[in-house]
Amino acid sequence: MKTSVGVCVVFSLALVGLGSAIKCYSCKDYTGTCSKIRDCYYDDACVSVYERGGDIHRQCIKYSECDYSTIAQKFPKISSFRFSCCASDLCNTGTMSLASHSVVGILLSLVFFWWCVL
């Protein structure tokens, strides 16, 4: 019994790790299309920065830095912009994803752990 609970705990923790690092589009473009993909760090989000003139900057950014003043410091040459941050693979295409991978990983681990306990 103890062994099966231990195995369940290990698998549950492994499922939590799903999606802990995401992939983001990373480029500056004028047309809204971007095909360069970058692997981000575990605490990163994807950001899209939209300049008033139409340029779009896409890249990884620390999730804690997804605020207007920090992004303004990272892009000092851009005087007027709007931005969006998201936390799932390739979510900075212009549309927002409803569920991030980390939330899915946590939910899967909880379901698996609950199944193991019963």
PDB file of N, CA and C in Angstrom:
ATOM      1  N   MET A   1       0.823  -1.200   0.000  1.00  0.00           N
ATOM      2  CA  MET A   1       0.000   0.000   0.000  1.00  0.00           C
ATOM      3  C   MET A   1       0.860   1.255   0.000  1.00  0.00           C
ATOM      4  N   LYS A   2       1.910   1.286   0.845  1.00  0.00           N
ATOM      5  CA  LYS A   2       2.765   2.471   0.907  1.00  0.00           C
ATOM      6  C   LYS A   2       3.470   2.702  -0.424  1.00  0.00           C
ATOM      7  N   THR A   3       3.865   1.627  -1.091  1.00  0.00           N
ATOM      8  CA  THR A   3       4.559   1.769  -2.366  1.00  0.00           C
ATOM      9  C   THR A   3       3.645   2.387  -3.413  1.00  0.00           C
ATOM     10  N   SER A   4       2.394   1.936  -3.480  1.00  0.00           N
ATOM     11  CA  SER A   4       1.488   2.483  -4.491  1.00  0.00           C
ATOM     12  C   SER A   4       1.173   3.954  -4.222  1.00  0.00           C
ATOM     13  N   VAL A   5       1.050   4.343  -2.956  1.00  0.00           N
ATOM     14  CA  VAL A   5       0.832   5.753  -2.631  1.00  0.00           C
ATOM     15  C   VAL A   5       2.059   6.567  -3.019  1.00  0.00           C
ATOM     16  N   GLY A   6       3.246   6.035  -2.768  1.00  0.00           N
ATOM     17  CA  GLY A   6       4.481   6.728  -3.148  1.00  0.00           C
ATOM     18  C   GLY A   6       4.581   6.920  -4.647  1.00  0.00           C
ATOM     19  N   VAL A   7       4.217   5.883  -5.407  1.00  0.00           N
ATOM     20  CA  VAL A   7       4.234   5.982  -6.868  1.00  0.00           C
ATOM     21  C   VAL A   7       3.226   7.034  -7.329  1.00  0.00           C
ATOM     22  N   CYS A   8       2.052   7.049  -6.722  1.00  0.00           N
ATOM     23  CA  CYS A   8       1.038   8.048  -7.080  1.00  0.00           C
ATOM     24  C   CYS A   8       1.531   9.465  -6.802  1.00  0.00           C
ATOM     25  N   VAL A   9       2.193   9.662  -5.681  1.00  0.00           N
ATOM     26  CA  VAL A   9       2.720  10.985  -5.345  1.00  0.00           C
ATOM     27  C   VAL A   9       3.755  11.418  -6.374  1.00  0.00           C
ATOM     28  N   VAL A  10       4.660  10.506  -6.754  1.00  0.00           N
ATOM     29  CA  VAL A  10       5.701  10.836  -7.738  1.00  0.00           C
ATOM     30  C   VAL A  10       5.068  11.216  -9.072  1.00  0.00           C
ATOM     31  N   PHE A  11       4.109  10.426  -9.550  1.00  0.00           N
ATOM     32  CA  PHE A  11       3.461  10.744 -10.821  1.00  0.00           C
ATOM     33  C   PHE A  11       2.660  12.041 -10.740  1.00  0.00           C
ATOM     34  N   SER A  12       2.016  12.285  -9.616  1.00  0.00           N
ATOM     35  CA  SER A  12       1.264  13.532  -9.453  1.00  0.00           C
ATOM     36  C   SER A  12       2.183  14.739  -9.514  1.00  0.00           C
ATOM     37  N   LEU A  13       3.326  14.651  -8.847  1.00  0.00           N
ATOM     38  CA  LEU A  13       4.288  15.758  -8.885  1.00  0.00           C
ATOM     39  C   LEU A  13       4.857  15.943 -10.285  1.00  0.00           C
ATOM     40  N   ALA A  14       5.053  14.846 -11.008  1.00  0.00           N
ATOM     41  CA  ALA A  14       5.545  14.952 -12.382  1.00  0.00           C
ATOM     42  C   ALA A  14       4.521  15.653 -13.264  1.00  0.00           C
ATOM     43  N   LEU A  15       3.238  15.383 -13.052  1.00  0.00           N
ATOM     44  CA  LEU A  15       2.199  16.044 -13.838  1.00  0.00           C
ATOM     45  C   LEU A  15       2.112  17.529 -13.543  1.00  0.00           C
ATOM     46  N   VAL A  16       2.398  17.932 -12.303  1.00  0.00           N
ATOM     47  CA  VAL A  16       2.405  19.358 -11.967  1.00  0.00           C
ATOM     48  C   VAL A  16       3.435  20.079 -12.816  1.00  0.00           C
ATOM     49  N   GLY A  17       4.540  19.410 -13.121  1.00  0.00           N
ATOM     50  CA  GLY A  17       5.599  20.020 -13.911  1.00  0.00           C
ATOM     51  C   GLY A  17       5.253  20.217 -15.366  1.00  0.00           C
ATOM     52  N   LEU A  18       4.166  19.602 -15.840  1.00  0.00           N
ATOM     53  CA  LEU A  18       3.775  19.795 -17.233  1.00  0.00           C
ATOM     54  C   LEU A  18       3.509  21.266 -17.497  1.00  0.00           C
ATOM     55  N   GLY A  19       4.103  21.793 -18.507  1.00  0.00           N
ATOM     56  CA  GLY A  19       3.842  23.168 -18.859  1.00  0.00           C
ATOM     57  C   GLY A  19       4.558  24.191 -18.007  1.00  0.00           C
ATOM     58  N   SER A  20       5.501  23.760 -17.181  1.00  0.00           N
ATOM     59  CA  SER A  20       6.187  24.726 -16.334  1.00  0.00           C
ATOM     60  C   SER A  20       7.080  25.643 -17.156  1.00  0.00           C
ATOM     61  N   ALA A  21       7.521  25.197 -18.309  1.00  0.00           N
ATOM     62  CA  ALA A  21       8.257  26.060 -19.229  1.00  0.00           C
ATOM     63  C   ALA A  21       7.447  26.117 -20.523  1.00  0.00           C
ATOM     64  N   ILE A  22       7.318  27.298 -21.074  1.00  0.00           N
ATOM     65  CA  ILE A  22       6.480  27.460 -22.256  1.00  0.00           C
ATOM     66  C   ILE A  22       7.312  27.884 -23.456  1.00  0.00           C
ATOM     67  N   LYS A  23       6.689  27.851 -24.615  1.00  0.00           N
ATOM     68  CA  LYS A  23       7.289  28.331 -25.859  1.00  0.00           C
ATOM     69  C   LYS A  23       6.525  29.578 -26.278  1.00  0.00           C
ATOM     70  N   CYS A  24       7.279  30.556 -26.765  1.00  0.00           N
ATOM     71  CA  CYS A  24       6.665  31.804 -27.229  1.00  0.00           C
ATOM     72  C   CYS A  24       7.190  32.152 -28.612  1.00  0.00           C
ATOM     73  N   TYR A  25       6.372  32.865 -29.366  1.00  0.00           N
ATOM     74  CA  TYR A  25       6.876  33.475 -30.588  1.00  0.00           C
ATOM     75  C   TYR A  25       7.814  34.598 -30.186  1.00  0.00           C
ATOM     76  N   SER A  26       8.901  34.760 -30.944  1.00  0.00           N
ATOM     77  CA  SER A  26       9.904  35.763 -30.602  1.00  0.00           C
ATOM     78  C   SER A  26      10.361  36.477 -31.866  1.00  0.00           C
ATOM     79  N   CYS A  27       9.816  37.667 -32.105  1.00  0.00           N
ATOM     80  CA  CYS A  27      10.207  38.431 -33.288  1.00  0.00           C
ATOM     81  C   CYS A  27       9.616  39.834 -33.230  1.00  0.00           C
ATOM     82  N   LYS A  28      10.122  40.673 -34.095  1.00  0.00           N
ATOM     83  CA  LYS A  28       9.537  41.990 -34.341  1.00  0.00           C
ATOM     84  C   LYS A  28       9.083  41.964 -35.786  1.00  0.00           C
ATOM     85  N   ASP A  29       7.830  42.251 -36.014  1.00  0.00           N
ATOM     86  CA  ASP A  29       7.339  42.186 -37.384  1.00  0.00           C
ATOM     87  C   ASP A  29       6.390  43.345 -37.675  1.00  0.00           C
ATOM     88  N   TYR A  30       6.122  43.516 -38.942  1.00  0.00           N
ATOM     89  CA  TYR A  30       5.258  44.596 -39.397  1.00  0.00           C
ATOM     90  C   TYR A  30       3.926  44.070 -39.919  1.00  0.00           C
ATOM     91  N   THR A  31       3.868  42.786 -40.195  1.00  0.00           N
ATOM     92  CA  THR A  31       2.681  42.226 -40.832  1.00  0.00           C
ATOM     93  C   THR A  31       1.782  41.468 -39.870  1.00  0.00           C
ATOM     94  N   GLY A  32       2.250  41.227 -38.664  1.00  0.00           N
ATOM     95  CA  GLY A  32       1.465  40.455 -37.716  1.00  0.00           C
ATOM     96  C   GLY A  32       1.758  38.973 -37.761  1.00  0.00           C
ATOM     97  N   THR A  33       2.650  38.554 -38.668  1.00  0.00           N
ATOM     98  CA  THR A  33       3.007  37.138 -38.736  1.00  0.00           C
ATOM     99  C   THR A  33       4.362  36.922 -38.086  1.00  0.00           C
ATOM    100  N   CYS A  34       4.531  35.785 -37.464  1.00  0.00           N
ATOM    101  CA  CYS A  34       5.781  35.474 -36.780  1.00  0.00           C
ATOM    102  C   CYS A  34       5.938  33.961 -36.752  1.00  0.00           C
ATOM    103  N   SER A  35       7.106  33.466 -37.134  1.00  0.00           N
ATOM    104  CA  SER A  35       7.306  32.020 -37.144  1.00  0.00           C
ATOM    105  C   SER A  35       8.466  31.566 -36.266  1.00  0.00           C
ATOM    106  N   LYS A  36       9.251  32.495 -35.712  1.00  0.00           N
ATOM    107  CA  LYS A  36      10.372  32.120 -34.850  1.00  0.00           C
ATOM    108  C   LYS A  36       9.846  31.762 -33.459  1.00  0.00           C
ATOM    109  N   ILE A  37      10.197  30.567 -32.984  1.00  0.00           N
ATOM    110  CA  ILE A  37       9.722  30.072 -31.690  1.00  0.00           C
ATOM    111  C   ILE A  37      10.901  29.944 -30.741  1.00  0.00           C
ATOM    112  N   ARG A  38      10.697  30.370 -29.506  1.00  0.00           N
ATOM    113  CA  ARG A  38      11.753  30.320 -28.491  1.00  0.00           C
ATOM    114  C   ARG A  38      11.254  29.566 -27.261  1.00  0.00           C
ATOM    115  N   ASP A  39      12.120  28.736 -26.677  1.00  0.00           N
ATOM    116  CA  ASP A  39      11.819  28.083 -25.404  1.00  0.00           C
ATOM    117  C   ASP A  39      12.093  29.074 -24.288  1.00  0.00           C
ATOM    118  N   CYS A  40      11.120  29.288 -23.436  1.00  0.00           N
ATOM    119  CA  CYS A  40      11.252  30.245 -22.342  1.00  0.00           C
ATOM    120  C   CYS A  40      11.626  29.516 -21.055  1.00  0.00           C
ATOM    121  N   TYR A  41      11.875  30.283 -20.008  1.00  0.00           N
ATOM    122  CA  TYR A  41      12.173  29.720 -18.698  1.00  0.00           C
ATOM    123  C   TYR A  41      10.882  29.416 -17.960  1.00  0.00           C
ATOM    124  N   TYR A  42      10.986  28.657 -16.877  1.00  0.00           N
ATOM    125  CA  TYR A  42       9.800  28.185 -16.160  1.00  0.00           C
ATOM    126  C   TYR A  42       8.943  29.314 -15.592  1.00  0.00           C
ATOM    127  N   ASP A  43       9.534  30.455 -15.275  1.00  0.00           N
ATOM    128  CA  ASP A  43       8.757  31.554 -14.687  1.00  0.00           C
ATOM    129  C   ASP A  43       8.419  32.639 -15.710  1.00  0.00           C
ATOM    130  N   ASP A  44       8.499  32.294 -16.995  1.00  0.00           N
ATOM    131  CA  ASP A  44       8.231  33.258 -18.059  1.00  0.00           C
ATOM    132  C   ASP A  44       6.791  33.184 -18.552  1.00  0.00           C
ATOM    133  N   ALA A  45       6.401  34.257 -19.177  1.00  0.00           N
ATOM    134  CA  ALA A  45       5.144  34.347 -19.917  1.00  0.00           C
ATOM    135  C   ALA A  45       5.502  34.808 -21.328  1.00  0.00           C
ATOM    136  N   CYS A  46       4.544  34.788 -22.204  1.00  0.00           N
ATOM    137  CA  CYS A  46       4.729  35.344 -23.545  1.00  0.00           C
ATOM    138  C   CYS A  46       4.126  36.747 -23.543  1.00  0.00           C
ATOM    139  N   VAL A  47       4.789  37.662 -24.234  1.00  0.00           N
ATOM    140  CA  VAL A  47       4.268  39.019 -24.319  1.00  0.00           C
ATOM    141  C   VAL A  47       4.202  39.440 -25.781  1.00  0.00           C
ATOM    142  N   SER A  48       3.180  40.199 -26.104  1.00  0.00           N
ATOM    143  CA  SER A  48       3.060  40.879 -27.391  1.00  0.00           C
ATOM    144  C   SER A  48       2.949  42.364 -27.085  1.00  0.00           C
ATOM    145  N   VAL A  49       3.846  43.144 -27.674  1.00  0.00           N
ATOM    146  CA  VAL A  49       3.835  44.596 -27.491  1.00  0.00           C
ATOM    147  C   VAL A  49       3.457  45.213 -28.836  1.00  0.00           C
ATOM    148  N   TYR A  50       2.357  45.959 -28.845  1.00  0.00           N
ATOM    149  CA  TYR A  50       1.821  46.551 -30.068  1.00  0.00           C
ATOM    150  C   TYR A  50       2.136  48.041 -30.086  1.00  0.00           C
ATOM    151  N   GLU A  51       2.986  48.456 -31.037  1.00  0.00           N
ATOM    152  CA  GLU A  51       3.297  49.880 -31.191  1.00  0.00           C
ATOM    153  C   GLU A  51       2.152  50.581 -31.912  1.00  0.00           C
ATOM    154  N   ARG A  52       2.063  51.876 -31.695  1.00  0.00           N
ATOM    155  CA  ARG A  52       1.031  52.669 -32.355  1.00  0.00           C
ATOM    156  C   ARG A  52       1.171  52.592 -33.876  1.00  0.00           C
ATOM    157  N   GLY A  53       2.379  52.534 -34.388  1.00  0.00           N
ATOM    158  CA  GLY A  53       2.609  52.495 -35.828  1.00  0.00           C
ATOM    159  C   GLY A  53       2.322  51.159 -36.481  1.00  0.00           C
ATOM    160  N   GLY A  54       2.019  50.136 -35.706  1.00  0.00           N
ATOM    161  CA  GLY A  54       1.680  48.841 -36.283  1.00  0.00           C
ATOM    162  C   GLY A  54       2.691  47.735 -36.038  1.00  0.00           C
ATOM    163  N   ASP A  55       3.903  48.088 -35.591  1.00  0.00           N
ATOM    164  CA  ASP A  55       4.892  47.048 -35.296  1.00  0.00           C
ATOM    165  C   ASP A  55       4.435  46.224 -34.094  1.00  0.00           C
ATOM    166  N   ILE A  56       4.768  44.946 -34.122  1.00  0.00           N
ATOM    167  CA  ILE A  56       4.447  44.057 -33.012  1.00  0.00           C
ATOM    168  C   ILE A  56       5.730  43.361 -32.577  1.00  0.00           C
ATOM    169  N   HIS A  57       6.022  43.423 -31.289  1.00  0.00           N
ATOM    170  CA  HIS A  57       7.175  42.729 -30.709  1.00  0.00           C
ATOM    171  C   HIS A  57       6.638  41.550 -29.910  1.00  0.00           C
ATOM    172  N   ARG A  58       7.171  40.361 -30.186  1.00  0.00           N
ATOM    173  CA  ARG A  58       6.749  39.164 -29.454  1.00  0.00           C
ATOM    174  C   ARG A  58       7.982  38.520 -28.845  1.00  0.00           C
ATOM    175  N   GLN A  59       7.875  38.098 -27.578  1.00  0.00           N
ATOM    176  CA  GLN A  59       9.015  37.474 -26.917  1.00  0.00           C
ATOM    177  C   GLN A  59       8.600  36.871 -25.581  1.00  0.00           C
ATOM    178  N   CYS A  60       9.580  36.218 -24.926  1.00  0.00           N
ATOM    179  CA  CYS A  60       9.398  35.731 -23.558  1.00  0.00           C
ATOM    180  C   CYS A  60       9.666  36.887 -22.598  1.00  0.00           C
ATOM    181  N   ILE A  61       9.005  36.855 -21.459  1.00  0.00           N
ATOM    182  CA  ILE A  61       9.224  37.849 -20.414  1.00  0.00           C
ATOM    183  C   ILE A  61       8.893  37.185 -19.082  1.00  0.00           C
ATOM    184  N   LYS A  62       9.571  37.595 -18.029  1.00  0.00           N
ATOM    185  CA  LYS A  62       9.218  37.058 -16.712  1.00  0.00           C
ATOM    186  C   LYS A  62       7.773  37.438 -16.409  1.00  0.00           C
ATOM    187  N   TYR A  63       7.022  36.483 -15.911  1.00  0.00           N
ATOM    188  CA  TYR A  63       5.605  36.738 -15.645  1.00  0.00           C
ATOM    189  C   TYR A  63       5.419  37.909 -14.685  1.00  0.00           C
ATOM    190  N   SER A  64       6.348  38.045 -13.743  1.00  0.00           N
ATOM    191  CA  SER A  64       6.265  39.137 -12.765  1.00  0.00           C
ATOM    192  C   SER A  64       6.524  40.506 -13.392  1.00  0.00           C
ATOM    193  N   GLU A  65       7.038  40.534 -14.624  1.00  0.00           N
ATOM    194  CA  GLU A  65       7.339  41.798 -15.306  1.00  0.00           C
ATOM    195  C   GLU A  65       6.261  42.197 -16.314  1.00  0.00           C
ATOM    196  N   CYS A  66       5.130  41.541 -16.269  1.00  0.00           N
ATOM    197  CA  CYS A  66       4.038  41.849 -17.201  1.00  0.00           C
ATOM    198  C   CYS A  66       3.204  43.015 -16.682  1.00  0.00           C
ATOM    199  N   ASP A  67       3.826  44.164 -16.599  1.00  0.00           N
ATOM    200  CA  ASP A  67       3.107  45.381 -16.227  1.00  0.00           C
ATOM    201  C   ASP A  67       3.615  46.524 -17.098  1.00  0.00           C
ATOM    202  N   TYR A  68       2.818  47.562 -17.204  1.00  0.00           N
ATOM    203  CA  TYR A  68       3.092  48.645 -18.148  1.00  0.00           C
ATOM    204  C   TYR A  68       4.449  49.306 -17.903  1.00  0.00           C
ATOM    205  N   SER A  69       4.765  49.632 -16.658  1.00  0.00           N
ATOM    206  CA  SER A  69       6.003  50.374 -16.391  1.00  0.00           C
ATOM    207  C   SER A  69       7.244  49.535 -16.693  1.00  0.00           C
ATOM    208  N   THR A  70       7.216  48.249 -16.378  1.00  0.00           N
ATOM    209  CA  THR A  70       8.375  47.398 -16.663  1.00  0.00           C
ATOM    210  C   THR A  70       8.559  47.214 -18.160  1.00  0.00           C
ATOM    211  N   ILE A  71       7.479  47.007 -18.877  1.00  0.00           N
ATOM    212  CA  ILE A  71       7.580  46.845 -20.330  1.00  0.00           C
ATOM    213  C   ILE A  71       8.037  48.146 -20.976  1.00  0.00           C
ATOM    214  N   ALA A  72       7.593  49.283 -20.456  1.00  0.00           N
ATOM    215  CA  ALA A  72       8.063  50.574 -20.973  1.00  0.00           C
ATOM    216  C   ALA A  72       9.570  50.717 -20.785  1.00  0.00           C
ATOM    217  N   GLN A  73      10.114  50.200 -19.684  1.00  0.00           N
ATOM    218  CA  GLN A  73      11.565  50.234 -19.461  1.00  0.00           C
ATOM    219  C   GLN A  73      12.291  49.293 -20.413  1.00  0.00           C
ATOM    220  N   LYS A  74      11.696  48.152 -20.722  1.00  0.00           N
ATOM    221  CA  LYS A  74      12.323  47.188 -21.626  1.00  0.00           C
ATOM    222  C   LYS A  74      12.293  47.658 -23.081  1.00  0.00           C
ATOM    223  N   PHE A  75      11.346  48.511 -23.421  1.00  0.00           N
ATOM    224  CA  PHE A  75      11.218  49.038 -24.778  1.00  0.00           C
ATOM    225  C   PHE A  75      11.258  50.565 -24.723  1.00  0.00           C
ATOM    226  N   PRO A  76      12.392  51.159 -24.374  1.00  0.00           N
ATOM    227  CA  PRO A  76      12.452  52.610 -24.159  1.00  0.00           C
ATOM    228  C   PRO A  76      12.228  53.445 -25.423  1.00  0.00           C
ATOM    229  N   LYS A  77      12.427  52.871 -26.596  1.00  0.00           N
ATOM    230  CA  LYS A  77      12.259  53.635 -27.834  1.00  0.00           C
ATOM    231  C   LYS A  77      10.804  53.705 -28.291  1.00  0.00           C
ATOM    232  N   ILE A  78       9.934  52.956 -27.627  1.00  0.00           N
ATOM    233  CA  ILE A  78       8.521  52.957 -28.000  1.00  0.00           C
ATOM    234  C   ILE A  78       7.776  53.899 -27.057  1.00  0.00           C
ATOM    235  N   SER A  79       7.188  54.947 -27.616  1.00  0.00           N
ATOM    236  CA  SER A  79       6.528  55.942 -26.764  1.00  0.00           C
ATOM    237  C   SER A  79       5.074  55.593 -26.466  1.00  0.00           C
ATOM    238  N   SER A  80       4.405  54.940 -27.392  1.00  0.00           N
ATOM    239  CA  SER A  80       2.998  54.610 -27.194  1.00  0.00           C
ATOM    240  C   SER A  80       2.762  53.159 -27.604  1.00  0.00           C
ATOM    241  N   PHE A  81       2.238  52.364 -26.680  1.00  0.00           N
ATOM    242  CA  PHE A  81       2.023  50.949 -26.974  1.00  0.00           C
ATOM    243  C   PHE A  81       0.915  50.386 -26.095  1.00  0.00           C
ATOM    244  N   ARG A  82       0.459  49.217 -26.483  1.00  0.00           N
ATOM    245  CA  ARG A  82      -0.378  48.384 -25.627  1.00  0.00           C
ATOM    246  C   ARG A  82       0.261  47.005 -25.630  1.00  0.00           C
ATOM    247  N   PHE A  83      -0.070  46.184 -24.655  1.00  0.00           N
ATOM    248  CA  PHE A  83       0.579  44.876 -24.568  1.00  0.00           C
ATOM    249  C   PHE A  83      -0.383  43.840 -24.015  1.00  0.00           C
ATOM    250  N   SER A  84      -0.036  42.580 -24.240  1.00  0.00           N
ATOM    251  CA  SER A  84      -0.774  41.485 -23.610  1.00  0.00           C
ATOM    252  C   SER A  84       0.221  40.401 -23.230  1.00  0.00           C
ATOM    253  N   CYS A  85       0.028  39.833 -22.053  1.00  0.00           N
ATOM    254  CA  CYS A  85       0.839  38.721 -21.567  1.00  0.00           C
ATOM    255  C   CYS A  85      -0.059  37.499 -21.436  1.00  0.00           C
ATOM    256  N   CYS A  86       0.517  36.332 -21.677  1.00  0.00           N
ATOM    257  CA  CYS A  86      -0.228  35.084 -21.550  1.00  0.00           C
ATOM    258  C   CYS A  86       0.742  33.984 -21.136  1.00  0.00           C
ATOM    259  N   ALA A  87       0.214  32.868 -20.677  1.00  0.00           N
ATOM    260  CA  ALA A  87       1.078  31.849 -20.078  1.00  0.00           C
ATOM    261  C   ALA A  87       0.818  30.446 -20.611  1.00  0.00           C
ATOM    262  N   SER A  88       0.653  30.308 -21.912  1.00  0.00           N
ATOM    263  CA  SER A  88       0.559  28.978 -22.510  1.00  0.00           C
ATOM    264  C   SER A  88       1.364  28.971 -23.802  1.00  0.00           C
ATOM    265  N   ASP A  89       1.687  27.778 -24.283  1.00  0.00           N
ATOM    266  CA  ASP A  89       2.538  27.654 -25.463  1.00  0.00           C
ATOM    267  C   ASP A  89       1.999  28.450 -26.645  1.00  0.00           C
ATOM    268  N   LEU A  90       2.880  29.264 -27.215  1.00  0.00           N
ATOM    269  CA  LEU A  90       2.620  30.017 -28.445  1.00  0.00           C
ATOM    270  C   LEU A  90       1.339  30.844 -28.375  1.00  0.00           C
ATOM    271  N   CYS A  91       1.061  31.364 -27.209  1.00  0.00           N
ATOM    272  CA  CYS A  91      -0.177  32.129 -27.012  1.00  0.00           C
ATOM    273  C   CYS A  91      -0.053  33.576 -27.484  1.00  0.00           C
ATOM    274  N   ASN A  92       1.155  34.045 -27.801  1.00  0.00           N
ATOM    275  CA  ASN A  92       1.312  35.442 -28.204  1.00  0.00           C
ATOM    276  C   ASN A  92       1.193  35.615 -29.718  1.00  0.00           C
ATOM    277  N   THR A  93       0.176  34.978 -30.287  1.00  0.00           N
ATOM    278  CA  THR A  93      -0.109  35.122 -31.711  1.00  0.00           C
ATOM    279  C   THR A  93      -1.124  36.217 -31.975  1.00  0.00           C
ATOM    280  N   GLY A  94      -1.740  36.719 -30.933  1.00  0.00           N
ATOM    281  CA  GLY A  94      -2.766  37.733 -31.087  1.00  0.00           C
ATOM    282  C   GLY A  94      -4.068  37.312 -30.442  1.00  0.00           C
ATOM    283  N   THR A  95      -4.228  36.034 -30.186  1.00  0.00           N
ATOM    284  CA  THR A  95      -5.419  35.559 -29.489  1.00  0.00           C
ATOM    285  C   THR A  95      -5.004  35.008 -28.140  1.00  0.00           C
ATOM    286  N   MET A  96      -5.855  35.154 -27.153  1.00  0.00           N
ATOM    287  CA  MET A  96      -5.544  34.689 -25.810  1.00  0.00           C
ATOM    288  C   MET A  96      -6.020  33.249 -25.645  1.00  0.00           C
ATOM    289  N   SER A  97      -5.234  32.463 -24.943  1.00  0.00           N
ATOM    290  CA  SER A  97      -5.602  31.087 -24.637  1.00  0.00           C
ATOM    291  C   SER A  97      -6.373  31.066 -23.324  1.00  0.00           C
ATOM    292  N   LEU A  98      -7.374  30.223 -23.217  1.00  0.00           N
ATOM    293  CA  LEU A  98      -8.200  30.199 -22.021  1.00  0.00           C
ATOM    294  C   LEU A  98      -7.549  29.482 -20.851  1.00  0.00           C
ATOM    295  N   ALA A  99      -6.759  28.444 -21.105  1.00  0.00           N
ATOM    296  CA  ALA A  99      -6.154  27.685 -20.007  1.00  0.00           C
ATOM    297  C   ALA A  99      -4.658  27.576 -20.230  1.00  0.00           C
ATOM    298  N   SER A 100      -3.907  27.864 -19.209  1.00  0.00           N
ATOM    299  CA  SER A 100      -2.464  27.720 -19.327  1.00  0.00           C
ATOM    300  C   SER A 100      -2.085  26.281 -19.046  1.00  0.00           C
ATOM    301  N   HIS A 101      -0.900  25.898 -19.524  1.00  0.00           N
ATOM    302  CA  HIS A 101      -0.424  24.535 -19.306  1.00  0.00           C
ATOM    303  C   HIS A 101      -0.220  24.240 -17.830  1.00  0.00           C
ATOM    304  N   SER A 102       0.211  25.212 -17.059  1.00  0.00           N
ATOM    305  CA  SER A 102       0.442  24.956 -15.642  1.00  0.00           C
ATOM    306  C   SER A 102      -0.864  24.630 -14.930  1.00  0.00           C
ATOM    307  N   VAL A 103      -1.954  25.284 -15.278  1.00  0.00           N
ATOM    308  CA  VAL A 103      -3.247  24.983 -14.673  1.00  0.00           C
ATOM    309  C   VAL A 103      -3.680  23.578 -15.060  1.00  0.00           C
ATOM    310  N   VAL A 104      -3.496  23.214 -16.318  1.00  0.00           N
ATOM    311  CA  VAL A 104      -3.847  21.873 -16.774  1.00  0.00           C
ATOM    312  C   VAL A 104      -3.006  20.832 -16.041  1.00  0.00           C
ATOM    313  N   GLY A 105      -1.719  21.088 -15.870  1.00  0.00           N
ATOM    314  CA  GLY A 105      -0.849  20.160 -15.148  1.00  0.00           C
ATOM    315  C   GLY A 105      -1.281  19.968 -13.710  1.00  0.00           C
ATOM    316  N   ILE A 106      -1.637  21.046 -13.048  1.00  0.00           N
ATOM    317  CA  ILE A 106      -2.088  20.954 -11.654  1.00  0.00           C
ATOM    318  C   ILE A 106      -3.397  20.174 -11.573  1.00  0.00           C
ATOM    319  N   LEU A 107      -4.332  20.464 -12.464  1.00  0.00           N
ATOM    320  CA  LEU A 107      -5.604  19.745 -12.443  1.00  0.00           C
ATOM    321  C   LEU A 107      -5.416  18.259 -12.724  1.00  0.00           C
ATOM    322  N   LEU A 108      -4.571  17.929 -13.699  1.00  0.00           N
ATOM    323  CA  LEU A 108      -4.300  16.520 -13.983  1.00  0.00           C
ATOM    324  C   LEU A 108      -3.677  15.817 -12.789  1.00  0.00           C
ATOM    325  N   SER A 109      -2.751  16.489 -12.124  1.00  0.00           N
ATOM    326  CA  SER A 109      -2.103  15.864 -10.970  1.00  0.00           C
ATOM    327  C   SER A 109      -3.099  15.641  -9.838  1.00  0.00           C
ATOM    328  N   LEU A 110      -4.011  16.586  -9.616  1.00  0.00           N
ATOM    329  CA  LEU A 110      -5.023  16.414  -8.575  1.00  0.00           C
ATOM    330  C   LEU A 110      -5.970  15.262  -8.893  1.00  0.00           C
ATOM    331  N   VAL A 111      -6.402  15.173 -10.139  1.00  0.00           N
ATOM    332  CA  VAL A 111      -7.284  14.074 -10.541  1.00  0.00           C
ATOM    333  C   VAL A 111      -6.567  12.744 -10.382  1.00  0.00           C
ATOM    334  N   PHE A 112      -5.321  12.658 -10.835  1.00  0.00           N
ATOM    335  CA  PHE A 112      -4.557  11.415 -10.729  1.00  0.00           C
ATOM    336  C   PHE A 112      -4.338  11.040  -9.270  1.00  0.00           C
ATOM    337  N   PHE A 113      -3.985  12.008  -8.429  1.00  0.00           N
ATOM    338  CA  PHE A 113      -3.758  11.729  -7.014  1.00  0.00           C
ATOM    339  C   PHE A 113      -5.056  11.273  -6.349  1.00  0.00           C
ATOM    340  N   TRP A 114      -6.177  11.914  -6.672  1.00  0.00           N
ATOM    341  CA  TRP A 114      -7.468  11.526  -6.121  1.00  0.00           C
ATOM    342  C   TRP A 114      -7.812  10.099  -6.538  1.00  0.00           C
ATOM    343  N   TRP A 115      -7.540   9.757  -7.802  1.00  0.00           N
ATOM    344  CA  TRP A 115      -7.793   8.408  -8.303  1.00  0.00           C
ATOM    345  C   TRP A 115      -6.937   7.389  -7.561  1.00  0.00           C
ATOM    346  N   CYS A 116      -5.691   7.731  -7.264  1.00  0.00           N
ATOM    347  CA  CYS A 116      -4.795   6.817  -6.552  1.00  0.00           C
ATOM    348  C   CYS A 116      -5.242   6.592  -5.112  1.00  0.00           C
ATOM    349  N   VAL A 117      -5.749   7.618  -4.478  1.00  0.00           N
ATOM    350  CA  VAL A 117      -6.137   7.520  -3.071  1.00  0.00           C
ATOM    351  C   VAL A 117      -7.402   6.678  -2.917  1.00  0.00           C
ATOM    352  N   LEU A 118      -8.316   6.796  -3.869  1.00  0.00           N
ATOM    353  CA  LEU A 118      -9.570   6.027  -3.768  1.00  0.00           C
ATOM    354  C   LEU A 118      -9.345   4.626  -4.117  1.00  0.00           C
TER     355      LEU A 118
END
